Amino acid sequence: MMVNFKTINKGNNMAKKEKFAKRIVPGKTALINGHKIPDPKLHQLISFVKSGIRIVGYICIPFSLGWATLFLILSEVVGIAEELV
């Protein structure tokens, strides 16, 4: 028996759902089908900050392992915040 996509989604009316699929309000969190969508500009900004902190951490390695460790751990914390945006 051959099952295709139309057979699987026979009871699922996508046309009706698409009408409400995208709800984007300027200045608010973007939602698609009730799911939070990351803000790409904020994600990019946090990524640049994380990379800058990481570069400073690597520059500190020859001078002070303590400071280097601190900066690299801080960059990982910022990375976690980046994924939560």
PDB file of N, CA and C in Angstrom:
ATOM      1  N   MET A   1       0.847  -1.182   0.000  1.00  0.00           N
ATOM      2  CA  MET A   1       0.000   0.000   0.000  1.00  0.00           C
ATOM      3  C   MET A   1       0.887   1.238   0.000  1.00  0.00           C
ATOM      4  N   MET A   2       0.616   2.131  -0.884  1.00  0.00           N
ATOM      5  CA  MET A   2       1.402   3.350  -1.025  1.00  0.00           C
ATOM      6  C   MET A   2       0.696   4.483  -0.289  1.00  0.00           C
ATOM      7  N   VAL A   3       1.417   5.117   0.630  1.00  0.00           N
ATOM      8  CA  VAL A   3       0.864   6.242   1.375  1.00  0.00           C
ATOM      9  C   VAL A   3       1.629   7.485   0.956  1.00  0.00           C
ATOM     10  N   ASN A   4       0.915   8.499   0.559  1.00  0.00           N
ATOM     11  CA  ASN A   4       1.589   9.733   0.170  1.00  0.00           C
ATOM     12  C   ASN A   4       1.226  10.863   1.141  1.00  0.00           C
ATOM     13  N   PHE A   5       1.823  12.004   0.927  1.00  0.00           N
ATOM     14  CA  PHE A   5       1.635  13.144   1.818  1.00  0.00           C
ATOM     15  C   PHE A   5       0.172  13.572   1.889  1.00  0.00           C
ATOM     16  N   LYS A   6      -0.528  13.552   0.774  1.00  0.00           N
ATOM     17  CA  LYS A   6      -1.931  13.966   0.761  1.00  0.00           C
ATOM     18  C   LYS A   6      -2.786  13.028   1.613  1.00  0.00           C
ATOM     19  N   THR A   7      -2.475  11.752   1.586  1.00  0.00           N
ATOM     20  CA  THR A   7      -3.226  10.785   2.384  1.00  0.00           C
ATOM     21  C   THR A   7      -3.003  11.033   3.870  1.00  0.00           C
ATOM     22  N   ILE A   8      -1.760  11.297   4.255  1.00  0.00           N
ATOM     23  CA  ILE A   8      -1.439  11.519   5.659  1.00  0.00           C
ATOM     24  C   ILE A   8      -2.122  12.777   6.177  1.00  0.00           C
ATOM     25  N   ASN A   9      -2.126  13.840   5.382  1.00  0.00           N
ATOM     26  CA  ASN A   9      -2.664  15.122   5.813  1.00  0.00           C
ATOM     27  C   ASN A   9      -4.085  15.388   5.311  1.00  0.00           C
ATOM     28  N   LYS A  10      -4.819  14.337   5.017  1.00  0.00           N
ATOM     29  CA  LYS A  10      -6.162  14.509   4.466  1.00  0.00           C
ATOM     30  C   LYS A  10      -7.069  15.328   5.386  1.00  0.00           C
ATOM     31  N   GLY A  11      -7.019  15.070   6.681  1.00  0.00           N
ATOM     32  CA  GLY A  11      -7.874  15.791   7.611  1.00  0.00           C
ATOM     33  C   GLY A  11      -7.278  17.108   8.077  1.00  0.00           C
ATOM     34  N   ASN A  12      -6.093  17.412   7.646  1.00  0.00           N
ATOM     35  CA  ASN A  12      -5.403  18.612   8.099  1.00  0.00           C
ATOM     36  C   ASN A  12      -5.555  19.702   7.038  1.00  0.00           C
ATOM     37  N   ASN A  13      -6.375  20.680   7.297  1.00  0.00           N
ATOM     38  CA  ASN A  13      -6.626  21.736   6.326  1.00  0.00           C
ATOM     39  C   ASN A  13      -5.606  22.857   6.539  1.00  0.00           C
ATOM     40  N   MET A  14      -4.534  22.838   5.771  1.00  0.00           N
ATOM     41  CA  MET A  14      -3.449  23.809   5.921  1.00  0.00           C
ATOM     42  C   MET A  14      -3.881  25.215   5.509  1.00  0.00           C
ATOM     43  N   ALA A  15      -4.799  25.326   4.562  1.00  0.00           N
ATOM     44  CA  ALA A  15      -5.212  26.640   4.076  1.00  0.00           C
ATOM     45  C   ALA A  15      -5.853  27.456   5.194  1.00  0.00           C
ATOM     46  N   LYS A  16      -6.660  26.829   6.029  1.00  0.00           N
ATOM     47  CA  LYS A  16      -7.299  27.537   7.127  1.00  0.00           C
ATOM     48  C   LYS A  16      -6.272  27.959   8.171  1.00  0.00           C
ATOM     49  N   LYS A  17      -5.283  27.112   8.440  1.00  0.00           N
ATOM     50  CA  LYS A  17      -4.296  27.406   9.463  1.00  0.00           C
ATOM     51  C   LYS A  17      -3.321  28.495   9.023  1.00  0.00           C
ATOM     52  N   GLU A  18      -3.020  28.585   7.731  1.00  0.00           N
ATOM     53  CA  GLU A  18      -2.061  29.586   7.253  1.00  0.00           C
ATOM     54  C   GLU A  18      -2.546  31.009   7.487  1.00  0.00           C
ATOM     55  N   LYS A  19      -3.847  31.183   7.542  1.00  0.00           N
ATOM     56  CA  LYS A  19      -4.401  32.512   7.758  1.00  0.00           C
ATOM     57  C   LYS A  19      -3.902  33.094   9.091  1.00  0.00           C
ATOM     58  N   PHE A  20      -3.698  32.234  10.087  1.00  0.00           N
ATOM     59  CA  PHE A  20      -3.260  32.674  11.399  1.00  0.00           C
ATOM     60  C   PHE A  20      -1.815  32.280  11.692  1.00  0.00           C
ATOM     61  N   ALA A  21      -1.095  31.808  10.686  1.00  0.00           N
ATOM     62  CA  ALA A  21       0.255  31.278  10.905  1.00  0.00           C
ATOM     63  C   ALA A  21       1.236  32.347  11.355  1.00  0.00           C
ATOM     64  N   LYS A  22       1.187  33.523  10.761  1.00  0.00           N
ATOM     65  CA  LYS A  22       2.182  34.549  11.083  1.00  0.00           C
ATOM     66  C   LYS A  22       1.524  35.690  11.845  1.00  0.00           C
ATOM     67  N   ARG A  23       1.958  35.857  13.074  1.00  0.00           N
ATOM     68  CA  ARG A  23       1.505  36.978  13.881  1.00  0.00           C
ATOM     69  C   ARG A  23       2.734  37.721  14.343  1.00  0.00           C
ATOM     70  N   ILE A  24       3.083  38.771  13.646  1.00  0.00           N
ATOM     71  CA  ILE A  24       4.265  39.546  13.984  1.00  0.00           C
ATOM     72  C   ILE A  24       3.826  40.955  14.331  1.00  0.00           C
ATOM     73  N   VAL A  25       4.127  41.352  15.552  1.00  0.00           N
ATOM     74  CA  VAL A  25       3.786  42.683  16.027  1.00  0.00           C
ATOM     75  C   VAL A  25       5.092  43.437  16.220  1.00  0.00           C
ATOM     76  N   PRO A  26       5.258  44.587  15.583  1.00  0.00           N
ATOM     77  CA  PRO A  26       6.511  45.335  15.725  1.00  0.00           C
ATOM     78  C   PRO A  26       6.809  45.665  17.189  1.00  0.00           C
ATOM     79  N   GLY A  27       8.056  45.433  17.593  1.00  0.00           N
ATOM     80  CA  GLY A  27       8.471  45.713  18.960  1.00  0.00           C
ATOM     81  C   GLY A  27       8.121  44.629  19.951  1.00  0.00           C
ATOM     82  N   LYS A  28       7.444  43.594  19.506  1.00  0.00           N
ATOM     83  CA  LYS A  28       7.051  42.486  20.380  1.00  0.00           C
ATOM     84  C   LYS A  28       7.731  41.212  19.899  1.00  0.00           C
ATOM     85  N   THR A  29       7.619  40.164  20.679  1.00  0.00           N
ATOM     86  CA  THR A  29       8.162  38.869  20.301  1.00  0.00           C
ATOM     87  C   THR A  29       7.362  38.317  19.126  1.00  0.00           C
ATOM     88  N   ALA A  30       8.070  37.859  18.096  1.00  0.00           N
ATOM     89  CA  ALA A  30       7.399  37.297  16.926  1.00  0.00           C
ATOM     90  C   ALA A  30       6.888  35.901  17.258  1.00  0.00           C
ATOM     91  N   LEU A  31       5.653  35.630  16.846  1.00  0.00           N
ATOM     92  CA  LEU A  31       5.057  34.313  17.073  1.00  0.00           C
ATOM     93  C   LEU A  31       4.610  33.734  15.743  1.00  0.00           C
ATOM     94  N   ILE A  32       4.923  32.479  15.524  1.00  0.00           N
ATOM     95  CA  ILE A  32       4.397  31.744  14.376  1.00  0.00           C
ATOM     96  C   ILE A  32       3.792  30.472  14.931  1.00  0.00           C
ATOM     97  N   ASN A  33       2.489  30.325  14.710  1.00  0.00           N
ATOM     98  CA  ASN A  33       1.728  29.207  15.244  1.00  0.00           C
ATOM     99  C   ASN A  33       1.920  29.065  16.749  1.00  0.00           C
ATOM    100  N   GLY A  34       2.017  30.181  17.451  1.00  0.00           N
ATOM    101  CA  GLY A  34       2.143  30.164  18.897  1.00  0.00           C
ATOM    102  C   GLY A  34       3.547  29.902  19.411  1.00  0.00           C
ATOM    103  N   HIS A  35       4.523  29.763  18.515  1.00  0.00           N
ATOM    104  CA  HIS A  35       5.903  29.506  18.925  1.00  0.00           C
ATOM    105  C   HIS A  35       6.731  30.782  18.802  1.00  0.00           C
ATOM    106  N   LYS A  36       7.566  31.035  19.812  1.00  0.00           N
ATOM    107  CA  LYS A  36       8.425  32.211  19.812  1.00  0.00           C
ATOM    108  C   LYS A  36       9.496  32.064  18.742  1.00  0.00           C
ATOM    109  N   ILE A  37       9.676  33.098  17.937  1.00  0.00           N
ATOM    110  CA  ILE A  37      10.683  33.115  16.886  1.00  0.00           C
ATOM    111  C   ILE A  37      11.806  34.055  17.322  1.00  0.00           C
ATOM    112  N   PRO A  38      13.064  33.608  17.221  1.00  0.00           N
ATOM    113  CA  PRO A  38      14.172  34.464  17.651  1.00  0.00           C
ATOM    114  C   PRO A  38      14.269  35.744  16.825  1.00  0.00           C
ATOM    115  N   ASP A  39      14.685  36.813  17.486  1.00  0.00           N
ATOM    116  CA  ASP A  39      14.914  38.085  16.810  1.00  0.00           C
ATOM    117  C   ASP A  39      16.291  38.016  16.167  1.00  0.00           C
ATOM    118  N   PRO A  40      16.395  37.974  14.845  1.00  0.00           N
ATOM    119  CA  PRO A  40      17.683  37.779  14.191  1.00  0.00           C
ATOM    120  C   PRO A  40      18.693  38.890  14.467  1.00  0.00           C
ATOM    121  N   LYS A  41      18.232  40.127  14.566  1.00  0.00           N
ATOM    122  CA  LYS A  41      19.168  41.235  14.811  1.00  0.00           C
ATOM    123  C   LYS A  41      19.753  41.161  16.216  1.00  0.00           C
ATOM    124  N   LEU A  42      18.921  40.875  17.194  1.00  0.00           N
ATOM    125  CA  LEU A  42      19.398  40.747  18.564  1.00  0.00           C
ATOM    126  C   LEU A  42      20.317  39.537  18.703  1.00  0.00           C
ATOM    127  N   HIS A  43      19.960  38.439  18.049  1.00  0.00           N
ATOM    128  CA  HIS A  43      20.792  37.233  18.062  1.00  0.00           C
ATOM    129  C   HIS A  43      22.175  37.544  17.476  1.00  0.00           C
ATOM    130  N   GLN A  44      22.214  38.282  16.378  1.00  0.00           N
ATOM    131  CA  GLN A  44      23.480  38.637  15.747  1.00  0.00           C
ATOM    132  C   GLN A  44      24.302  39.557  16.649  1.00  0.00           C
ATOM    133  N   LEU A  45      23.652  40.536  17.277  1.00  0.00           N
ATOM    134  CA  LEU A  45      24.350  41.450  18.167  1.00  0.00           C
ATOM    135  C   LEU A  45      24.979  40.701  19.350  1.00  0.00           C
ATOM    136  N   ILE A  46      24.212  39.831  19.961  1.00  0.00           N
ATOM    137  CA  ILE A  46      24.743  39.058  21.081  1.00  0.00           C
ATOM    138  C   ILE A  46      25.871  38.145  20.613  1.00  0.00           C
ATOM    139  N   SER A  47      25.761  37.601  19.418  1.00  0.00           N
ATOM    140  CA  SER A  47      26.819  36.754  18.865  1.00  0.00           C
ATOM    141  C   SER A  47      28.117  37.535  18.681  1.00  0.00           C
ATOM    142  N   PHE A  48      28.010  38.780  18.201  1.00  0.00           N
ATOM    143  CA  PHE A  48      29.205  39.616  18.033  1.00  0.00           C
ATOM    144  C   PHE A  48      29.838  39.936  19.384  1.00  0.00           C
ATOM    145  N   VAL A  49      29.007  40.237  20.374  1.00  0.00           N
ATOM    146  CA  VAL A  49      29.523  40.513  21.720  1.00  0.00           C
ATOM    147  C   VAL A  49      30.228  39.277  22.269  1.00  0.00           C
ATOM    148  N   LYS A  50      29.614  38.120  22.093  1.00  0.00           N
ATOM    149  CA  LYS A  50      30.210  36.861  22.554  1.00  0.00           C
ATOM    150  C   LYS A  50      31.555  36.631  21.884  1.00  0.00           C
ATOM    151  N   SER A  51      31.626  36.863  20.586  1.00  0.00           N
ATOM    152  CA  SER A  51      32.884  36.669  19.860  1.00  0.00           C
ATOM    153  C   SER A  51      33.955  37.640  20.335  1.00  0.00           C
ATOM    154  N   GLY A  52      33.563  38.882  20.613  1.00  0.00           N
ATOM    155  CA  GLY A  52      34.514  39.865  21.125  1.00  0.00           C
ATOM    156  C   GLY A  52      35.072  39.459  22.479  1.00  0.00           C
ATOM    157  N   ILE A  53      34.196  38.988  23.361  1.00  0.00           N
ATOM    158  CA  ILE A  53      34.642  38.528  24.678  1.00  0.00           C
ATOM    159  C   ILE A  53      35.578  37.328  24.532  1.00  0.00           C
ATOM    160  N   ARG A  54      35.246  36.434  23.625  1.00  0.00           N
ATOM    161  CA  ARG A  54      36.080  35.251  23.393  1.00  0.00           C
ATOM    162  C   ARG A  54      37.466  35.652  22.870  1.00  0.00           C
ATOM    163  N   ILE A  55      37.518  36.614  21.952  1.00  0.00           N
ATOM    164  CA  ILE A  55      38.808  37.081  21.418  1.00  0.00           C
ATOM    165  C   ILE A  55      39.656  37.687  22.535  1.00  0.00           C
ATOM    166  N   VAL A  56      39.017  38.499  23.394  1.00  0.00           N
ATOM    167  CA  VAL A  56      39.745  39.076  24.532  1.00  0.00           C
ATOM    168  C   VAL A  56      40.269  37.957  25.433  1.00  0.00           C
ATOM    169  N   GLY A  57      39.478  36.940  25.639  1.00  0.00           N
ATOM    170  CA  GLY A  57      39.911  35.802  26.457  1.00  0.00           C
ATOM    171  C   GLY A  57      41.132  35.117  25.887  1.00  0.00           C
ATOM    172  N   TYR A  58      41.140  34.900  24.585  1.00  0.00           N
ATOM    173  CA  TYR A  58      42.299  34.249  23.952  1.00  0.00           C
ATOM    174  C   TYR A  58      43.526  35.156  23.972  1.00  0.00           C
ATOM    175  N   ILE A  59      43.335  36.457  23.852  1.00  0.00           N
ATOM    176  CA  ILE A  59      44.467  37.387  23.926  1.00  0.00           C
ATOM    177  C   ILE A  59      45.079  37.360  25.330  1.00  0.00           C
ATOM    178  N   CYS A  60      44.254  37.155  26.348  1.00  0.00           N
ATOM    179  CA  CYS A  60      44.734  37.144  27.737  1.00  0.00           C
ATOM    180  C   CYS A  60      45.528  35.888  28.106  1.00  0.00           C
ATOM    181  N   ILE A  61      45.439  34.819  27.321  1.00  0.00           N
ATOM    182  CA  ILE A  61      46.088  33.558  27.687  1.00  0.00           C
ATOM    183  C   ILE A  61      47.583  33.718  27.991  1.00  0.00           C
ATOM    184  N   PRO A  62      48.381  34.395  27.160  1.00  0.00           N
ATOM    185  CA  PRO A  62      49.817  34.484  27.483  1.00  0.00           C
ATOM    186  C   PRO A  62      50.127  35.349  28.707  1.00  0.00           C
ATOM    187  N   PHE A  63      49.210  36.206  29.084  1.00  0.00           N
ATOM    188  CA  PHE A  63      49.470  37.150  30.167  1.00  0.00           C
ATOM    189  C   PHE A  63      48.922  36.683  31.514  1.00  0.00           C
ATOM    190  N   SER A  64      47.704  36.147  31.517  1.00  0.00           N
ATOM    191  CA  SER A  64      47.086  35.720  32.768  1.00  0.00           C
ATOM    192  C   SER A  64      46.042  34.642  32.479  1.00  0.00           C
ATOM    193  N   LEU A  65      46.331  33.445  32.938  1.00  0.00           N
ATOM    194  CA  LEU A  65      45.373  32.356  32.720  1.00  0.00           C
ATOM    195  C   LEU A  65      44.078  32.581  33.497  1.00  0.00           C
ATOM    196  N   GLY A  66      44.172  33.254  34.625  1.00  0.00           N
ATOM    197  CA  GLY A  66      42.968  33.545  35.411  1.00  0.00           C
ATOM    198  C   GLY A  66      41.992  34.434  34.662  1.00  0.00           C
ATOM    199  N   TRP A  67      42.514  35.552  34.111  1.00  0.00           N
ATOM    200  CA  TRP A  67      41.659  36.458  33.340  1.00  0.00           C
ATOM    201  C   TRP A  67      41.155  35.783  32.065  1.00  0.00           C
ATOM    202  N   ALA A  68      42.020  35.021  31.420  1.00  0.00           N
ATOM    203  CA  ALA A  68      41.605  34.320  30.200  1.00  0.00           C
ATOM    204  C   ALA A  68      40.453  33.366  30.493  1.00  0.00           C
ATOM    205  N   THR A  69      40.595  32.626  31.593  1.00  0.00           N
ATOM    206  CA  THR A  69      39.527  31.697  31.988  1.00  0.00           C
ATOM    207  C   THR A  69      38.235  32.443  32.271  1.00  0.00           C
ATOM    208  N   LEU A  70      38.344  33.554  32.980  1.00  0.00           N
ATOM    209  CA  LEU A  70      37.166  34.353  33.301  1.00  0.00           C
ATOM    210  C   LEU A  70      36.456  34.825  32.032  1.00  0.00           C
ATOM    211  N   PHE A  71      37.220  35.361  31.090  1.00  0.00           N
ATOM    212  CA  PHE A  71      36.606  35.853  29.842  1.00  0.00           C
ATOM    213  C   PHE A  71      36.001  34.720  29.018  1.00  0.00           C
ATOM    214  N   LEU A  72      36.665  33.575  28.962  1.00  0.00           N
ATOM    215  CA  LEU A  72      36.130  32.463  28.170  1.00  0.00           C
ATOM    216  C   LEU A  72      34.870  31.878  28.805  1.00  0.00           C
ATOM    217  N   ILE A  73      34.834  31.826  30.126  1.00  0.00           N
ATOM    218  CA  ILE A  73      33.607  31.370  30.799  1.00  0.00           C
ATOM    219  C   ILE A  73      32.489  32.382  30.583  1.00  0.00           C
ATOM    220  N   LEU A  74      32.816  33.666  30.666  1.00  0.00           N
ATOM    221  CA  LEU A  74      31.825  34.714  30.410  1.00  0.00           C
ATOM    222  C   LEU A  74      31.272  34.613  28.991  1.00  0.00           C
ATOM    223  N   SER A  75      32.137  34.307  28.025  1.00  0.00           N
ATOM    224  CA  SER A  75      31.654  34.180  26.644  1.00  0.00           C
ATOM    225  C   SER A  75      30.686  33.005  26.509  1.00  0.00           C
ATOM    226  N   GLU A  76      30.897  31.952  27.273  1.00  0.00           N
ATOM    227  CA  GLU A  76      29.964  30.818  27.231  1.00  0.00           C
ATOM    228  C   GLU A  76      28.629  31.191  27.859  1.00  0.00           C
ATOM    229  N   VAL A  77      28.645  31.975  28.925  1.00  0.00           N
ATOM    230  CA  VAL A  77      27.397  32.439  29.543  1.00  0.00           C
ATOM    231  C   VAL A  77      26.627  33.321  28.566  1.00  0.00           C
ATOM    232  N   VAL A  78      27.337  34.190  27.866  1.00  0.00           N
ATOM    233  CA  VAL A  78      26.695  35.040  26.849  1.00  0.00           C
ATOM    234  C   VAL A  78      26.151  34.161  25.716  1.00  0.00           C
ATOM    235  N   GLY A  79      26.856  33.074  25.386  1.00  0.00           N
ATOM    236  CA  GLY A  79      26.378  32.145  24.360  1.00  0.00           C
ATOM    237  C   GLY A  79      25.067  31.484  24.757  1.00  0.00           C
ATOM    238  N   ILE A  80      24.930  31.173  26.037  1.00  0.00           N
ATOM    239  CA  ILE A  80      23.663  30.594  26.513  1.00  0.00           C
ATOM    240  C   ILE A  80      22.548  31.636  26.375  1.00  0.00           C
ATOM    241  N   ALA A  81      22.853  32.878  26.758  1.00  0.00           N
ATOM    242  CA  ALA A  81      21.858  33.948  26.619  1.00  0.00           C
ATOM    243  C   ALA A  81      21.496  34.153  25.150  1.00  0.00           C
ATOM    244  N   GLU A  82      22.481  33.992  24.269  1.00  0.00           N
ATOM    245  CA  GLU A  82      22.246  34.133  22.821  1.00  0.00           C
ATOM    246  C   GLU A  82      21.223  33.121  22.334  1.00  0.00           C
ATOM    247  N   GLU A  83      21.299  31.913  22.837  1.00  0.00           N
ATOM    248  CA  GLU A  83      20.360  30.874  22.401  1.00  0.00           C
ATOM    249  C   GLU A  83      18.964  31.070  22.982  1.00  0.00           C
ATOM    250  N   LEU A  84      18.850  31.823  24.044  1.00  0.00           N
ATOM    251  CA  LEU A  84      17.534  32.054  24.658  1.00  0.00           C
ATOM    252  C   LEU A  84      16.798  33.238  24.054  1.00  0.00           C
ATOM    253  N   VAL A  85      17.450  33.984  23.189  1.00  0.00           N
ATOM    254  CA  VAL A  85      16.821  35.169  22.571  1.00  0.00           C
ATOM    255  C   VAL A  85      15.762  34.729  21.598  1.00  0.00           C
TER     256      VAL A  85
END
